[in-house]
Protein backbone atom coordinates (compact mmCIF):
# COMPACT_ATOMS: atom_id res chain seq x y z
CA MET A 1 -7.98 -10.76 27.73
CA ASN A 2 -11.58 -10.01 27.19
CA THR A 3 -13.62 -7.40 29.03
CA GLU A 4 -14.99 -9.79 31.63
CA ASP A 5 -11.49 -10.92 32.66
CA LEU A 6 -10.29 -7.34 32.96
CA ASN A 7 -13.30 -6.37 35.08
CA PHE A 8 -12.70 -9.36 37.38
CA ALA A 9 -9.01 -8.45 37.74
CA TYR A 10 -9.91 -4.84 38.64
CA LYS A 11 -12.46 -6.03 41.23
CA VAL A 12 -9.91 -8.38 42.87
CA ARG A 13 -7.28 -5.64 42.96
CA HIS A 14 -9.77 -3.20 44.45
CA ALA A 15 -10.84 -5.71 47.12
CA LEU A 16 -7.22 -6.43 48.06
CA ASN A 17 -6.36 -2.74 48.23
CA GLU A 18 -9.38 -2.04 50.49
CA LYS A 19 -8.16 -4.48 53.16
CA LEU A 20 -4.51 -3.49 52.89
CA ASP A 21 -4.65 -1.16 55.88
CA ASP A 22 -6.37 -3.81 58.07
CA LEU A 23 -3.53 -6.36 57.75
CA PRO A 24 -1.63 -7.23 60.91
CA ALA A 25 1.95 -6.02 61.16
CA ALA A 26 3.34 -9.57 61.08
CA THR A 27 1.57 -10.26 57.76
CA SER A 28 2.83 -6.99 56.30
CA ASP A 29 6.38 -7.90 57.36
CA ARG A 30 6.11 -11.36 55.78
CA LEU A 31 4.76 -9.84 52.56
CA ALA A 32 7.61 -7.30 52.49
CA ALA A 33 10.17 -10.08 53.04
CA ALA A 34 8.59 -12.18 50.25
CA ARG A 35 8.72 -9.18 47.95
CA GLN A 36 12.41 -8.60 48.74
CA ALA A 37 13.17 -12.27 48.08
CA ALA A 38 11.32 -12.15 44.75
CA LEU A 39 13.23 -9.03 43.74
CA ALA A 40 16.52 -10.71 44.68
CA ARG A 41 15.72 -13.71 42.45
CA LYS A 42 14.68 -11.49 39.58
CA LYS A 43 16.64 -11.98 36.38
CA ALA A 44 19.20 -9.40 35.39
CA HIS A 45 17.85 -6.48 33.47
CA VAL A 46 17.50 -7.38 29.81
CA PRO A 47 17.19 -4.47 27.39
CA VAL A 48 13.93 -4.52 25.53
CA ARG A 49 13.65 -3.34 21.97
CA VAL A 50 10.74 -1.00 21.50
CA VAL A 51 9.37 -0.37 18.05
CA ARG A 52 8.07 3.13 17.60
CA SER A 53 5.48 3.69 14.94
CA ALA A 54 4.40 6.99 13.49
CA PRO A 55 0.92 8.25 14.33
CA ALA A 56 -1.62 7.37 11.68
CA VAL A 57 -3.95 10.30 12.19
CA ALA A 58 -4.56 13.41 10.20
CA GLY A 59 -2.12 16.09 11.25
CA GLY A 60 0.23 13.51 12.81
CA GLY A 61 3.22 14.77 10.87
CA HIS A 62 4.55 18.27 10.69
CA GLY A 63 4.55 19.10 7.01
CA PHE A 64 6.32 17.74 3.97
CA PHE A 65 9.74 17.67 5.62
CA ALA A 66 8.65 15.84 8.81
CA ASN A 67 9.98 12.55 7.46
CA PRO A 68 13.16 12.98 5.43
CA LEU A 69 12.35 9.94 3.28
CA GLY A 70 8.64 10.77 2.99
CA TRP A 71 9.09 12.37 -0.41
CA PHE A 72 10.99 9.31 -1.58
CA ASN A 73 8.16 7.02 -0.49
CA ARG A 74 5.63 9.14 -2.36
CA PHE A 75 7.87 9.25 -5.43
CA SER A 76 8.41 5.48 -5.32
CA VAL A 77 4.65 5.04 -5.69
CA ALA A 78 4.22 7.70 -8.37
CA LEU A 79 7.17 6.65 -10.53
CA PRO A 80 5.79 3.24 -11.60
CA LEU A 81 2.44 4.84 -12.35
CA MET A 82 4.07 7.49 -14.52
CA LEU A 83 6.12 4.84 -16.32
CA LEU A 84 2.98 2.78 -16.93
CA VAL A 85 1.08 5.74 -18.38
CA GLY A 86 4.10 6.70 -20.53
CA GLY A 87 4.42 3.13 -21.80
CA LEU A 88 0.74 2.95 -22.69
CA MET A 89 0.98 6.26 -24.53
CA GLY A 90 4.03 4.97 -26.43
CA VAL A 91 2.23 1.78 -27.45
CA PHE A 92 -0.78 3.82 -28.60
CA GLN A 93 1.43 6.12 -30.70
CA TYR A 94 3.25 3.13 -32.21
CA GLU A 95 -0.05 1.47 -33.16
CA GLN A 96 -1.30 4.70 -34.71
CA GLN A 97 1.88 5.05 -36.78
CA GLN A 98 1.57 1.43 -37.94
CA SER A 99 -2.05 2.02 -38.98
CA ILE A 100 -1.12 5.18 -40.87
CA ALA A 101 1.76 3.37 -42.62
CA GLU A 102 -0.53 0.51 -43.69
CA LEU A 103 -3.13 2.92 -45.05
CA ALA A 104 -0.44 4.85 -46.94
CA GLU A 105 0.88 1.60 -48.42
CA LEU A 106 -2.62 0.60 -49.49
CA ASP A 107 -3.27 4.01 -51.04
CA ALA A 108 0.05 3.88 -52.90
CA ALA A 109 -0.73 0.39 -54.18
CA VAL A 110 -4.19 1.43 -55.37
CA LEU A 111 -2.88 4.58 -57.04
CA SER A 112 0.09 2.89 -58.74
CA ASP A 113 -1.94 0.03 -60.24
CA GLU A 114 -3.79 0.50 -63.45
CA LEU A 115 -7.22 -0.71 -62.54
CA PRO A 116 -10.24 -0.43 -64.76
CA LEU A 117 -12.94 1.95 -63.56
CA SER A 118 -15.30 -0.98 -63.05
CA ALA A 119 -13.03 -2.25 -60.23
CA TYR A 120 -13.67 0.90 -58.24
CA LEU A 121 -17.42 0.43 -58.66
CA ASP A 122 -17.31 -3.18 -57.45
CA ASP A 123 -18.71 -3.66 -53.89
CA GLY A 124 -16.24 -6.46 -53.20
CA PHE A 125 -13.35 -4.14 -53.94
CA HIS A 126 -14.73 -1.59 -51.47
CA ALA A 127 -15.11 -4.36 -48.85
CA TYR A 128 -11.53 -5.45 -49.53
CA LEU A 129 -10.27 -1.90 -49.08
CA GLU A 130 -12.22 -1.46 -45.83
CA THR A 131 -10.98 -4.71 -44.31
CA ARG A 132 -7.42 -4.15 -45.49
CA GLY A 133 -7.39 -0.55 -44.30
CA GLN A 134 -8.45 -1.36 -40.74
């Protein structure tokens, strides 16, 4: 219902309540009898399930132990984040170790070969070492 409908309903209720005392006794008796008949035809009481939600305002809870599973909910959010950060750190360390191993292999290959001194002065050789090393 929008605001206009609610205002109209309140005005009608107010108007009916104003004239309630001015009704003749016969009309009041007929209304009471109609009400009793309506209550007699009413369906049997059916239990209604009510869903209770926690307040979503600051200070709605009472500390860390207000909800026994609250810590679990917080942990269930933090755990995947911690695993993600740990996995990324592991991948970074693995890549660093691979890079170090490749550079060590290149250094060992350069040191074990008998190259003429002119090879070390060649710009192409330096370019090859830079591209191979990274």
